[in-house]
Amino acid sequence: MDRYDKKPLVGIIMGSSSDSRIMHGAAEILDKFKVKHEDQIISAHRTPSRLEEYAKHAESSGFKIIIAGAGGAAHLPGMIASHTLIPVIGVPILVYNDKQDKKSEKHKFSAFGGLDSLLSISEMPTGSPVVTVGVNKATNAGIYAVKILGNQFQDLKKKLKQHKQDQHRSVLKESEELKKVGLSKFVKKKFK
């Protein structure tokens, strides 16, 4: 049986290099849990033949999950799902185009605030599902991938339980601090 910490069982793909600033959240979570992953840029529109090659590569490499992030029309998650039986987690990305004129703020963000990406990933036709997380929520995609792998690896499941307990303790600690110092001081201290 392949070990999640020995060879990549998760593929992380994104439509362009500008998506990396969102998609790194998935990589950080996988790294935290020591889950090996392979990361690539694959454009559904600019490199369609590469997309099909990647699907074959993912299957022959034994990937268990593909996390695919894309903005705008966001066809990458659905297109990769149509080429493989590997479960795909789609990350809708609020488009930030930094390849245009650096001085102009015009056209840097999607006119639809990421809703275009969310709908194009979540509304896949029946028979071609893609699990979809919230806009820019690559970290949640990483956690979901770890949960899927946790069904196969008991030690990973234990790490997930510990992670949830750590989250619980963190909220309790913040609540105690808030109660102790008061809301005004808490906000000033926490969000400077």
N, C-alpha and C. Protein backbone atom coordinates (compact mmCIF):
# COMPACT_ATOMS: atom_id res chain seq x y z
N MET A 1 0.84 -1.18 0.00
CA MET A 1 0.00 0.00 0.00
C MET A 1 0.89 1.25 0.00
N ASP A 2 0.54 2.21 -0.86
CA ASP A 2 1.29 3.46 -0.94
C ASP A 2 1.11 4.26 0.34
N ARG A 3 2.19 4.84 0.82
CA ARG A 3 2.14 5.69 2.01
C ARG A 3 1.96 7.14 1.56
N TYR A 4 1.12 7.87 2.26
CA TYR A 4 0.84 9.26 1.92
C TYR A 4 2.04 10.18 2.13
N ASP A 5 3.00 9.73 2.95
CA ASP A 5 4.17 10.57 3.23
C ASP A 5 5.40 10.14 2.42
N LYS A 6 5.24 9.15 1.56
CA LYS A 6 6.37 8.65 0.76
C LYS A 6 6.29 9.07 -0.70
N LYS A 7 5.09 9.07 -1.25
CA LYS A 7 4.92 9.47 -2.66
C LYS A 7 3.66 10.30 -2.78
N PRO A 8 3.59 11.17 -3.76
CA PRO A 8 2.40 12.03 -3.88
C PRO A 8 1.13 11.23 -4.14
N LEU A 9 0.14 11.45 -3.29
CA LEU A 9 -1.19 10.88 -3.50
C LEU A 9 -2.21 11.97 -3.83
N VAL A 10 -1.76 13.23 -3.76
CA VAL A 10 -2.61 14.37 -4.08
C VAL A 10 -1.93 15.21 -5.14
N GLY A 11 -2.70 15.59 -6.15
CA GLY A 11 -2.22 16.52 -7.15
C GLY A 11 -2.89 17.87 -6.92
N ILE A 12 -2.12 18.94 -6.92
CA ILE A 12 -2.67 20.29 -6.85
C ILE A 12 -2.39 20.96 -8.18
N ILE A 13 -3.47 21.37 -8.85
CA ILE A 13 -3.30 22.06 -10.13
C ILE A 13 -4.05 23.39 -10.09
N MET A 14 -3.57 24.31 -10.90
CA MET A 14 -4.20 25.62 -10.99
C MET A 14 -4.09 26.13 -12.41
N GLY A 15 -4.99 27.04 -12.76
CA GLY A 15 -5.06 27.53 -14.13
C GLY A 15 -3.97 28.49 -14.53
N SER A 16 -3.41 29.25 -13.57
CA SER A 16 -2.33 30.17 -13.90
C SER A 16 -1.48 30.44 -12.67
N SER A 17 -0.32 31.05 -12.90
CA SER A 17 0.60 31.32 -11.80
C SER A 17 0.00 32.26 -10.77
N SER A 18 -0.88 33.17 -11.18
CA SER A 18 -1.48 34.09 -10.21
C SER A 18 -2.39 33.34 -9.22
N ASP A 19 -2.86 32.16 -9.57
CA ASP A 19 -3.68 31.35 -8.67
C ASP A 19 -2.86 30.76 -7.52
N SER A 20 -1.54 30.75 -7.66
CA SER A 20 -0.69 30.13 -6.65
C SER A 20 -0.82 30.83 -5.30
N ARG A 21 -1.10 32.13 -5.30
CA ARG A 21 -1.21 32.84 -4.01
C ARG A 21 -2.42 32.36 -3.21
N ILE A 22 -3.41 31.75 -3.86
CA ILE A 22 -4.56 31.15 -3.17
C ILE A 22 -4.29 29.66 -2.92
N MET A 23 -3.83 28.97 -3.94
CA MET A 23 -3.68 27.52 -3.87
C MET A 23 -2.60 27.06 -2.89
N HIS A 24 -1.69 27.94 -2.49
CA HIS A 24 -0.66 27.53 -1.53
C HIS A 24 -1.28 27.13 -0.20
N GLY A 25 -2.51 27.58 0.08
CA GLY A 25 -3.19 27.18 1.31
C GLY A 25 -3.41 25.68 1.39
N ALA A 26 -3.73 25.07 0.26
CA ALA A 26 -3.91 23.61 0.21
C ALA A 26 -2.57 22.91 0.47
N ALA A 27 -1.52 23.43 -0.15
CA ALA A 27 -0.18 22.84 0.04
C ALA A 27 0.28 22.95 1.48
N GLU A 28 0.00 24.08 2.12
CA GLU A 28 0.42 24.27 3.52
C GLU A 28 -0.25 23.25 4.44
N ILE A 29 -1.54 23.00 4.23
CA ILE A 29 -2.25 22.01 5.06
C ILE A 29 -1.70 20.61 4.80
N LEU A 30 -1.52 20.27 3.53
CA LEU A 30 -0.99 18.94 3.22
C LEU A 30 0.41 18.77 3.82
N ASP A 31 1.22 19.83 3.75
CA ASP A 31 2.56 19.77 4.34
C ASP A 31 2.48 19.59 5.85
N LYS A 32 1.54 20.28 6.48
CA LYS A 32 1.37 20.16 7.93
C LYS A 32 1.09 18.71 8.34
N PHE A 33 0.30 18.02 7.52
CA PHE A 33 -0.03 16.63 7.80
C PHE A 33 0.94 15.65 7.14
N LYS A 34 1.99 16.19 6.53
CA LYS A 34 3.03 15.39 5.87
C LYS A 34 2.49 14.54 4.73
N VAL A 35 1.47 15.07 4.04
CA VAL A 35 0.91 14.40 2.87
C VAL A 35 1.63 14.92 1.63
N LYS A 36 2.31 14.02 0.94
CA LYS A 36 3.03 14.41 -0.28
C LYS A 36 2.04 14.82 -1.37
N HIS A 37 2.43 15.85 -2.11
CA HIS A 37 1.59 16.33 -3.21
C HIS A 37 2.48 16.79 -4.36
N GLU A 38 1.91 16.79 -5.53
CA GLU A 38 2.59 17.27 -6.73
C GLU A 38 1.80 18.47 -7.24
N ASP A 39 2.48 19.57 -7.54
CA ASP A 39 1.82 20.82 -7.90
C ASP A 39 2.20 21.24 -9.32
N GLN A 40 1.18 21.65 -10.09
CA GLN A 40 1.43 22.06 -11.48
C GLN A 40 0.46 23.14 -11.91
N ILE A 41 0.87 23.89 -12.94
CA ILE A 41 -0.01 24.85 -13.61
C ILE A 41 -0.49 24.20 -14.90
N ILE A 42 -1.81 24.11 -15.03
CA ILE A 42 -2.41 23.51 -16.22
C ILE A 42 -3.62 24.35 -16.59
N SER A 43 -3.61 24.92 -17.75
CA SER A 43 -4.73 25.76 -18.17
C SER A 43 -5.70 24.95 -19.03
N ALA A 44 -6.96 24.96 -18.62
CA ALA A 44 -7.99 24.25 -19.40
C ALA A 44 -8.15 24.89 -20.78
N HIS A 45 -7.91 26.19 -20.87
CA HIS A 45 -8.13 26.91 -22.14
C HIS A 45 -6.87 27.06 -22.97
N ARG A 46 -5.73 27.27 -22.33
CA ARG A 46 -4.50 27.51 -23.08
C ARG A 46 -3.69 26.25 -23.34
N THR A 47 -3.90 25.20 -22.53
CA THR A 47 -3.15 23.94 -22.71
C THR A 47 -4.10 22.74 -22.60
N PRO A 48 -5.13 22.68 -23.43
CA PRO A 48 -6.11 21.59 -23.28
C PRO A 48 -5.52 20.19 -23.46
N SER A 49 -4.54 20.03 -24.34
CA SER A 49 -3.95 18.69 -24.52
C SER A 49 -3.13 18.31 -23.29
N ARG A 50 -2.51 19.28 -22.66
CA ARG A 50 -1.75 19.02 -21.43
C ARG A 50 -2.68 18.58 -20.31
N LEU A 51 -3.89 19.11 -20.28
CA LEU A 51 -4.87 18.73 -19.27
C LEU A 51 -5.19 17.23 -19.38
N GLU A 52 -5.40 16.77 -20.59
CA GLU A 52 -5.69 15.35 -20.80
C GLU A 52 -4.48 14.48 -20.42
N GLU A 53 -3.28 14.95 -20.76
CA GLU A 53 -2.06 14.23 -20.38
C GLU A 53 -1.91 14.16 -18.86
N TYR A 54 -2.25 15.26 -18.19
CA TYR A 54 -2.14 15.29 -16.73
C TYR A 54 -3.10 14.28 -16.10
N ALA A 55 -4.30 14.17 -16.61
CA ALA A 55 -5.26 13.20 -16.08
C ALA A 55 -4.69 11.78 -16.16
N LYS A 56 -4.07 11.45 -17.27
CA LYS A 56 -3.44 10.13 -17.43
C LYS A 56 -2.27 9.97 -16.46
N HIS A 57 -1.48 11.04 -16.33
CA HIS A 57 -0.35 11.03 -15.40
C HIS A 57 -0.83 10.82 -13.96
N ALA A 58 -1.88 11.52 -13.56
CA ALA A 58 -2.41 11.41 -12.20
C ALA A 58 -2.87 9.98 -11.91
N GLU A 59 -3.54 9.37 -12.87
CA GLU A 59 -4.00 7.98 -12.69
C GLU A 59 -2.83 7.01 -12.63
N SER A 60 -1.87 7.14 -13.55
CA SER A 60 -0.74 6.20 -13.56
C SER A 60 0.18 6.41 -12.35
N SER A 61 0.16 7.61 -11.76
CA SER A 61 0.98 7.90 -10.58
C SER A 61 0.31 7.45 -9.28
N GLY A 62 -0.96 7.05 -9.38
CA GLY A 62 -1.67 6.57 -8.20
C GLY A 62 -2.24 7.67 -7.31
N PHE A 63 -2.46 8.86 -7.87
CA PHE A 63 -3.06 9.92 -7.07
C PHE A 63 -4.45 9.49 -6.60
N LYS A 64 -4.79 9.86 -5.39
CA LYS A 64 -6.10 9.54 -4.82
C LYS A 64 -7.06 10.71 -4.93
N ILE A 65 -6.52 11.94 -5.03
CA ILE A 65 -7.32 13.16 -5.05
C ILE A 65 -6.61 14.19 -5.90
N ILE A 66 -7.39 15.00 -6.61
CA ILE A 66 -6.85 16.16 -7.32
C ILE A 66 -7.56 17.39 -6.77
N ILE A 67 -6.78 18.38 -6.37
CA ILE A 67 -7.32 19.67 -5.96
C ILE A 67 -7.05 20.63 -7.12
N ALA A 68 -8.11 21.18 -7.68
CA ALA A 68 -7.98 22.04 -8.87
C ALA A 68 -8.57 23.41 -8.60
N GLY A 69 -7.76 24.43 -8.76
CA GLY A 69 -8.22 25.80 -8.54
C GLY A 69 -8.24 26.59 -9.83
N ALA A 70 -9.29 27.39 -9.99
CA ALA A 70 -9.39 28.22 -11.19
C ALA A 70 -10.31 29.40 -10.93
N GLY A 71 -10.08 30.47 -11.65
CA GLY A 71 -10.91 31.66 -11.53
C GLY A 71 -11.68 31.92 -12.82
N GLY A 72 -12.51 32.95 -12.80
CA GLY A 72 -13.29 33.30 -13.97
C GLY A 72 -14.27 32.19 -14.32
N ALA A 73 -14.24 31.75 -15.56
CA ALA A 73 -15.15 30.69 -16.01
C ALA A 73 -14.81 29.35 -15.35
N ALA A 74 -13.60 29.21 -14.82
CA ALA A 74 -13.18 28.10 -13.96
C ALA A 74 -13.49 26.72 -14.52
N HIS A 75 -13.04 26.44 -15.72
CA HIS A 75 -13.30 25.14 -16.33
C HIS A 75 -12.34 24.04 -15.89
N LEU A 76 -11.21 24.40 -15.31
CA LEU A 76 -10.20 23.40 -14.98
C LEU A 76 -10.71 22.26 -14.10
N PRO A 77 -11.37 22.52 -12.96
CA PRO A 77 -11.82 21.39 -12.13
C PRO A 77 -12.78 20.45 -12.87
N GLY A 78 -13.74 21.00 -13.58
CA GLY A 78 -14.70 20.17 -14.30
C GLY A 78 -14.07 19.41 -15.45
N MET A 79 -13.16 20.06 -16.15
CA MET A 79 -12.51 19.39 -17.28
C MET A 79 -11.60 18.26 -16.81
N ILE A 80 -10.87 18.48 -15.72
CA ILE A 80 -10.01 17.39 -15.23
C ILE A 80 -10.88 16.25 -14.72
N ALA A 81 -12.00 16.58 -14.08
CA ALA A 81 -12.92 15.54 -13.60
C ALA A 81 -13.49 14.73 -14.75
N SER A 82 -13.68 15.36 -15.90
CA SER A 82 -14.24 14.64 -17.05
C SER A 82 -13.24 13.67 -17.68
N HIS A 83 -11.96 13.83 -17.33
CA HIS A 83 -10.91 12.98 -17.91
C HIS A 83 -10.40 11.91 -16.96
N THR A 84 -10.94 11.83 -15.73
CA THR A 84 -10.40 10.86 -14.77
C THR A 84 -11.49 10.39 -13.81
N LEU A 85 -11.24 9.27 -13.16
CA LEU A 85 -12.12 8.78 -12.12
C LEU A 85 -11.67 9.23 -10.73
N ILE A 86 -10.52 9.90 -10.66
CA ILE A 86 -9.99 10.40 -9.39
C ILE A 86 -10.91 11.52 -8.89
N PRO A 87 -11.29 11.49 -7.61
CA PRO A 87 -12.12 12.58 -7.07
C PRO A 87 -11.41 13.93 -7.19
N VAL A 88 -12.18 14.95 -7.58
CA VAL A 88 -11.64 16.30 -7.77
C VAL A 88 -12.31 17.24 -6.77
N ILE A 89 -11.48 18.02 -6.09
CA ILE A 89 -11.96 19.08 -5.21
C ILE A 89 -11.67 20.39 -5.93
N GLY A 90 -12.73 21.15 -6.23
CA GLY A 90 -12.57 22.41 -6.95
C GLY A 90 -12.47 23.60 -6.01
N VAL A 91 -11.53 24.48 -6.30
CA VAL A 91 -11.37 25.72 -5.53
C VAL A 91 -11.68 26.89 -6.46
N PRO A 92 -12.84 27.53 -6.27
CA PRO A 92 -13.14 28.72 -7.06
C PRO A 92 -12.27 29.88 -6.58
N ILE A 93 -11.67 30.58 -7.52
CA ILE A 93 -10.74 31.66 -7.17
C ILE A 93 -11.29 33.00 -7.66
N LEU A 94 -11.28 33.96 -6.75
CA LEU A 94 -11.60 35.33 -7.11
C LEU A 94 -10.45 35.82 -7.97
N VAL A 95 -10.71 36.06 -9.23
CA VAL A 95 -9.66 36.41 -10.18
C VAL A 95 -8.94 37.68 -9.76
N TYR A 96 -7.63 37.57 -9.74
CA TYR A 96 -6.78 38.73 -9.55
C TYR A 96 -5.76 38.67 -10.65
N ASN A 97 -5.88 39.56 -11.61
CA ASN A 97 -5.00 39.52 -12.77
C ASN A 97 -3.86 40.51 -12.58
N ASP A 98 -2.70 40.01 -12.21
CA ASP A 98 -1.55 40.89 -12.01
C ASP A 98 -0.66 40.96 -13.25
N LYS A 99 -1.15 40.42 -14.35
CA LYS A 99 -0.35 40.43 -15.58
C LYS A 99 -0.66 41.64 -16.45
N GLN A 100 -1.65 42.44 -16.02
CA GLN A 100 -1.98 43.66 -16.76
C GLN A 100 -1.15 44.82 -16.24
N ASP A 101 -1.44 46.00 -16.73
CA ASP A 101 -0.76 47.23 -16.33
C ASP A 101 -0.75 47.36 -14.81
N LYS A 102 0.43 47.40 -14.21
CA LYS A 102 0.59 47.44 -12.75
C LYS A 102 -0.02 48.71 -12.14
N LYS A 103 -0.08 49.80 -12.90
CA LYS A 103 -0.55 51.07 -12.36
C LYS A 103 -2.07 51.15 -12.31
N SER A 104 -2.72 50.36 -13.12
CA SER A 104 -4.18 50.43 -13.20
C SER A 104 -4.83 49.39 -12.30
N GLU A 105 -5.76 49.81 -11.48
CA GLU A 105 -6.53 48.89 -10.64
C GLU A 105 -7.70 48.30 -11.43
N LYS A 106 -8.02 48.91 -12.56
CA LYS A 106 -9.14 48.46 -13.38
C LYS A 106 -8.87 47.06 -13.92
N HIS A 107 -9.86 46.22 -13.88
CA HIS A 107 -9.82 44.86 -14.42
C HIS A 107 -8.92 43.90 -13.63
N LYS A 108 -8.52 44.27 -12.43
CA LYS A 108 -7.70 43.35 -11.66
C LYS A 108 -8.54 42.27 -10.99
N PHE A 109 -9.77 42.61 -10.60
CA PHE A 109 -10.63 41.65 -9.92
C PHE A 109 -11.80 41.29 -10.82
N SER A 110 -12.32 40.09 -10.62
CA SER A 110 -13.47 39.61 -11.36
C SER A 110 -14.67 40.53 -11.13
N ALA A 111 -15.41 40.76 -12.17
CA ALA A 111 -16.62 41.58 -12.06
C ALA A 111 -17.68 40.89 -11.21
N PHE A 112 -17.54 39.58 -11.00
CA PHE A 112 -18.56 38.82 -10.29
C PHE A 112 -18.13 38.39 -8.89
N GLY A 113 -16.99 38.87 -8.42
CA GLY A 113 -16.54 38.59 -7.07
C GLY A 113 -16.32 37.12 -6.75
N GLY A 114 -15.98 36.33 -7.73
CA GLY A 114 -15.73 34.90 -7.51
C GLY A 114 -16.96 34.03 -7.69
N LEU A 115 -18.14 34.66 -7.78
CA LEU A 115 -19.37 33.89 -7.97
C LEU A 115 -19.35 33.14 -9.29
N ASP A 116 -18.74 33.73 -10.32
CA ASP A 116 -18.62 33.05 -11.61
C ASP A 116 -17.87 31.74 -11.45
N SER A 117 -16.76 31.76 -10.73
CA SER A 117 -15.96 30.54 -10.51
C SER A 117 -16.73 29.53 -9.69
N LEU A 118 -17.35 29.99 -8.62
CA LEU A 118 -18.10 29.10 -7.74
C LEU A 118 -19.19 28.37 -8.51
N LEU A 119 -19.96 29.10 -9.28
CA LEU A 119 -21.06 28.47 -10.02
C LEU A 119 -20.57 27.53 -11.11
N SER A 120 -19.51 27.91 -11.82
CA SER A 120 -19.06 27.04 -12.90
C SER A 120 -18.43 25.75 -12.39
N ILE A 121 -17.92 25.76 -11.15
CA ILE A 121 -17.38 24.52 -10.58
C ILE A 121 -18.48 23.70 -9.91
N SER A 122 -19.34 24.36 -9.13
CA SER A 122 -20.34 23.62 -8.36
C SER A 122 -21.51 23.11 -9.20
N GLU A 123 -21.77 23.74 -10.31
CA GLU A 123 -22.93 23.37 -11.13
C GLU A 123 -22.56 22.45 -12.29
N MET A 124 -21.70 21.48 -12.01
CA MET A 124 -21.34 20.50 -13.03
C MET A 124 -22.56 19.66 -13.39
N PRO A 125 -22.63 19.22 -14.65
CA PRO A 125 -23.77 18.39 -15.05
C PRO A 125 -23.80 17.08 -14.27
N THR A 126 -24.99 16.52 -14.14
CA THR A 126 -25.15 15.23 -13.48
C THR A 126 -24.25 14.20 -14.16
N GLY A 127 -23.53 13.45 -13.35
CA GLY A 127 -22.63 12.43 -13.89
C GLY A 127 -21.17 12.86 -13.90
N SER A 128 -20.91 14.13 -13.72
CA SER A 128 -19.53 14.64 -13.68
C SER A 128 -19.33 15.53 -12.47
N PRO A 129 -19.44 14.99 -11.26
CA PRO A 129 -19.39 15.85 -10.08
C PRO A 129 -17.98 16.33 -9.74
N VAL A 130 -17.94 17.51 -9.14
CA VAL A 130 -16.73 18.07 -8.55
C VAL A 130 -17.14 18.57 -7.17
N VAL A 131 -16.45 18.13 -6.12
CA VAL A 131 -16.69 18.69 -4.80
C VAL A 131 -16.15 20.11 -4.82
N THR A 132 -16.91 21.06 -4.29
CA THR A 132 -16.51 22.46 -4.36
C THR A 132 -16.44 23.08 -2.98
N VAL A 133 -15.33 23.77 -2.71
CA VAL A 133 -15.20 24.53 -1.46
C VAL A 133 -15.54 25.99 -1.77
N GLY A 134 -15.53 26.84 -0.77
CA GLY A 134 -15.85 28.25 -0.95
C GLY A 134 -14.79 29.00 -1.75
N VAL A 135 -15.15 30.20 -2.17
CA VAL A 135 -14.25 31.03 -2.96
C VAL A 135 -12.97 31.29 -2.17
N ASN A 136 -11.83 31.01 -2.80
CA ASN A 136 -10.49 31.20 -2.23
C ASN A 136 -10.21 30.31 -1.02
N LYS A 137 -10.97 29.25 -0.82
CA LYS A 137 -10.82 28.39 0.35
C LYS A 137 -9.96 27.15 0.05
N ALA A 138 -8.78 27.36 -0.48
CA ALA A 138 -7.88 26.25 -0.80
C ALA A 138 -7.49 25.47 0.45
N THR A 139 -7.40 26.16 1.58
CA THR A 139 -7.07 25.47 2.83
C THR A 139 -8.12 24.41 3.14
N ASN A 140 -9.40 24.74 2.94
CA ASN A 140 -10.46 23.76 3.16
C ASN A 140 -10.33 22.58 2.20
N ALA A 141 -9.90 22.84 0.98
CA ALA A 141 -9.69 21.74 0.03
C ALA A 141 -8.60 20.81 0.54
N GLY A 142 -7.55 21.39 1.11
CA GLY A 142 -6.47 20.57 1.67
C GLY A 142 -6.96 19.72 2.83
N ILE A 143 -7.76 20.33 3.71
CA ILE A 143 -8.30 19.58 4.86
C ILE A 143 -9.22 18.46 4.37
N TYR A 144 -10.04 18.76 3.37
CA TYR A 144 -10.95 17.74 2.83
C TYR A 144 -10.15 16.57 2.23
N ALA A 145 -9.07 16.88 1.55
CA ALA A 145 -8.21 15.82 0.98
C ALA A 145 -7.63 14.95 2.10
N VAL A 146 -7.20 15.58 3.19
CA VAL A 146 -6.67 14.82 4.32
C VAL A 146 -7.76 13.94 4.92
N LYS A 147 -8.99 14.46 5.00
CA LYS A 147 -10.10 13.64 5.51
C LYS A 147 -10.34 12.41 4.64
N ILE A 148 -10.29 12.59 3.34
CA ILE A 148 -10.48 11.44 2.43
C ILE A 148 -9.38 10.41 2.66
N LEU A 149 -8.14 10.87 2.72
CA LEU A 149 -7.02 9.94 2.95
C LEU A 149 -7.06 9.32 4.34
N GLY A 150 -7.65 10.03 5.30
CA GLY A 150 -7.78 9.52 6.66
C GLY A 150 -8.61 8.25 6.73
N ASN A 151 -9.47 8.03 5.75
CA ASN A 151 -10.24 6.78 5.70
C ASN A 151 -9.36 5.58 5.39
N GLN A 152 -8.22 5.84 4.77
CA GLN A 152 -7.30 4.78 4.39
C GLN A 152 -6.14 4.64 5.38
N PHE A 153 -5.75 5.73 6.02
CA PHE A 153 -4.58 5.74 6.89
C PHE A 153 -4.99 6.15 8.30
N GLN A 154 -4.95 5.21 9.24
CA GLN A 154 -5.38 5.46 10.61
C GLN A 154 -4.55 6.52 11.32
N ASP A 155 -3.25 6.56 11.06
CA ASP A 155 -2.42 7.57 11.72
C ASP A 155 -2.77 8.98 11.25
N LEU A 156 -3.19 9.10 10.01
CA LEU A 156 -3.64 10.40 9.49
C LEU A 156 -4.96 10.81 10.14
N LYS A 157 -5.83 9.83 10.38
CA LYS A 157 -7.09 10.09 11.07
C LYS A 157 -6.82 10.60 12.48
N LYS A 158 -5.83 10.02 13.15
CA LYS A 158 -5.46 10.48 14.50
C LYS A 158 -4.94 11.92 14.47
N LYS A 159 -4.15 12.24 13.45
CA LYS A 159 -3.65 13.61 13.30
C LYS A 159 -4.80 14.59 13.08
N LEU A 160 -5.80 14.17 12.33
CA LEU A 160 -6.97 15.02 12.09
C LEU A 160 -7.74 15.28 13.39
N LYS A 161 -7.90 14.23 14.20
CA LYS A 161 -8.57 14.40 15.49
C LYS A 161 -7.81 15.39 16.37
N GLN A 162 -6.50 15.28 16.37
CA GLN A 162 -5.66 16.20 17.14
C GLN A 162 -5.82 17.63 16.62
N HIS A 163 -5.86 17.78 15.31
CA HIS A 163 -6.04 19.09 14.68
C HIS A 163 -7.36 19.74 15.13
N LYS A 164 -8.42 18.96 15.16
CA LYS A 164 -9.72 19.48 15.60
C LYS A 164 -9.68 19.86 17.08
N GLN A 165 -9.01 19.06 17.89
CA GLN A 165 -8.87 19.39 19.31
C GLN A 165 -8.06 20.67 19.50
N ASP A 166 -7.02 20.84 18.69
CA ASP A 166 -6.20 22.06 18.76
C ASP A 166 -7.03 23.29 18.38
N GLN A 167 -7.88 23.14 17.37
CA GLN A 167 -8.77 24.24 16.98
C GLN A 167 -9.71 24.59 18.13
N HIS A 168 -10.27 23.59 18.76
CA HIS A 168 -11.18 23.80 19.88
C HIS A 168 -10.49 24.57 21.01
N ARG A 169 -9.31 24.10 21.37
CA ARG A 169 -8.56 24.77 22.45
C ARG A 169 -8.21 26.21 22.07
N SER A 170 -7.89 26.44 20.82
CA SER A 170 -7.54 27.78 20.36
C SER A 170 -8.71 28.76 20.52
N VAL A 171 -9.91 28.30 20.18
CA VAL A 171 -11.10 29.16 20.32
C VAL A 171 -11.36 29.45 21.80
N LEU A 172 -11.24 28.44 22.64
CA LEU A 172 -11.45 28.65 24.08
C LEU A 172 -10.44 29.64 24.65
N LYS A 173 -9.19 29.53 24.21
CA LYS A 173 -8.14 30.43 24.68
C LYS A 173 -8.44 31.87 24.25
N GLU A 174 -8.84 32.06 22.98
CA GLU A 174 -9.19 33.40 22.51
C GLU A 174 -10.40 33.96 23.25
N SER A 175 -11.36 33.12 23.52
CA SER A 175 -12.56 33.56 24.24
C SER A 175 -12.21 34.04 25.65
N GLU A 176 -11.33 33.29 26.31
CA GLU A 176 -10.90 33.68 27.65
C GLU A 176 -10.16 35.02 27.62
N GLU A 177 -9.31 35.19 26.62
CA GLU A 177 -8.57 36.45 26.49
C GLU A 177 -9.53 37.61 26.23
N LEU A 178 -10.51 37.39 25.35
CA LEU A 178 -11.52 38.42 25.05
C LEU A 178 -12.28 38.81 26.32
N LYS A 179 -12.69 37.81 27.09
CA LYS A 179 -13.44 38.05 28.32
C LYS A 179 -12.58 38.83 29.33
N LYS A 180 -11.31 38.50 29.36
CA LYS A 180 -10.39 39.11 30.34
C LYS A 180 -10.08 40.58 30.01
N VAL A 181 -9.75 40.87 28.75
CA VAL A 181 -9.31 42.23 28.39
C VAL A 181 -10.43 43.13 27.88
N GLY A 182 -11.54 42.55 27.46
CA GLY A 182 -12.64 43.33 26.89
C GLY A 182 -12.51 43.45 25.38
N LEU A 183 -13.63 43.69 24.75
CA LEU A 183 -13.70 43.68 23.29
C LEU A 183 -12.81 44.74 22.64
N SER A 184 -12.86 45.98 23.13
CA SER A 184 -12.08 47.06 22.51
C SER A 184 -10.58 46.76 22.52
N LYS A 185 -10.04 46.37 23.68
CA LYS A 185 -8.62 46.06 23.78
C LYS A 185 -8.25 44.80 22.98
N PHE A 186 -9.15 43.84 23.00
CA PHE A 186 -8.91 42.59 22.25
C PHE A 186 -8.74 42.87 20.78
N VAL A 187 -9.63 43.68 20.21
CA VAL A 187 -9.58 43.99 18.77
C VAL A 187 -8.31 44.77 18.45
N LYS A 188 -7.97 45.75 19.27
CA LYS A 188 -6.76 46.54 19.04
C LYS A 188 -5.51 45.67 19.09
N LYS A 189 -5.46 44.76 20.04
CA LYS A 189 -4.32 43.87 20.19
C LYS A 189 -4.25 42.84 19.05
N LYS A 190 -5.39 42.28 18.71
CA LYS A 190 -5.45 41.16 17.77
C LYS A 190 -5.31 41.62 16.30
N PHE A 191 -5.85 42.79 15.97
CA PHE A 191 -5.94 43.17 14.56
C PHE A 191 -5.22 44.47 14.24
N LYS A 192 -4.08 44.68 14.87
CA LYS A 192 -3.27 45.86 14.56
C LYS A 192 -2.73 45.79 13.16
